[in-house]
Every structure is written in structure tokens, then in C-alpha cells.
Amino acid sequence: MVGRRFEDAVMPHLDAAFNYARWLTRSDVDAEDLVQDACVRAMRFLSSLREGNARPWLFAIVRNTWYSRRSRRDAVVESPAHLAVDEGVDEALDPEQRLVQQDTVTRVRRALEGLPAEFREAIVLRDIEGLSYKEIAEALQVPIGTVMSRLSRGRERLLESLAAPIQAEVAR
């Protein structure tokens, strides 16, 4: 019974949980370990899952597991240049346009990785994973107003970070 409930509730969200973990850890290997540990916790605390959407519940477990690990290690993980993210390169573009698209994706990814964790995770959950404000609030265990503030401030910082190289180029 527990195994079936776990499969029904958690398994459909594993790819999204891995993607979220990858943004948190900035490493494919660490993200795999994090999701595995989160799944063990999810199985253990499956009784705490109320009827409804298991996705924010699982994201909350991934996030809490990550913060537990971070506080134990108290170490900063460097962002690997080889972080494998589906960049969704449009094959219909000509080679020059593809290079521009790849450059843009790389710049946005780096800018996003450079944000403080609370802003990065709010943006990832909303703009990449598509969670509602309510689901994000549930996953992050903060009020909806805090989610809105983090999204606003995070997006503002993201835009500033992306505009900086352009402004520097214009100043030359």
C-alpha cells in the first residue's frame, strides 16, 4: 500500500525534483544524491502528505534535505561549467542563430546561478518548473507574499546581471 502510494505521488515528479535539485546544488552528481536522500525521506514521511498536489510537498523535502546537507557541510560547491541542462536548441535556426541562442542560454544560466539561493529557487520553481505562487509558498514553507517578493527581487537582480555586460559593451 505504501509503495503504491509512493509511486503514484512521488514518481511522476522525480524529473522536476532532479531539475530543482540541480539548480540548488549546481551539480548533476550532487543533485542525484540529493533526490535519492529526499526520496528516502519522502517514503518515511509519506503519511504527512495530504490529498492534493504532491509536487510542492516533494520540492519541500528536496529543499529541506539540501539545507540539512549544507548546514552539516557548511561548504560552497563551485558551479561546474559542464552542468547539463536541456538547452532546447532550435534546430530550425541557422548555425549563427544557434550560436546566439546558445550564448543567451549560457548567460541566463550563469546569471541565475549567481543569484542568492532564496531568489534562485523561487525563480526556478516559478519560471522553470511552473509552480503556482501557492505551491511555491508550500514548497519553501514561506508566506505567498514572501514568494512574490523573492520573485520580484530575484528577477530584478537577474535583469541587472544580464544587462551589465551589455552596458559595459555600450560604454566602450
Foldseek 3Di string as FASTA:
>chain_A
DLVVLLCVQPVVCLVVQLVLLCLLQLDNVRSVVLLVVLSVVCSVVVVVDDPDHSNLVSLLSSVVSSVVVCVVVVDHDDRDPPSDDPLVQDPVDDPVVSVVSVVVSSQLSVLLSPDPPLLSSLCCCCVVVNDDLVSNCSNNVHDSVVSVVSPVVSVVSSVVSSCVVVVVVVVD
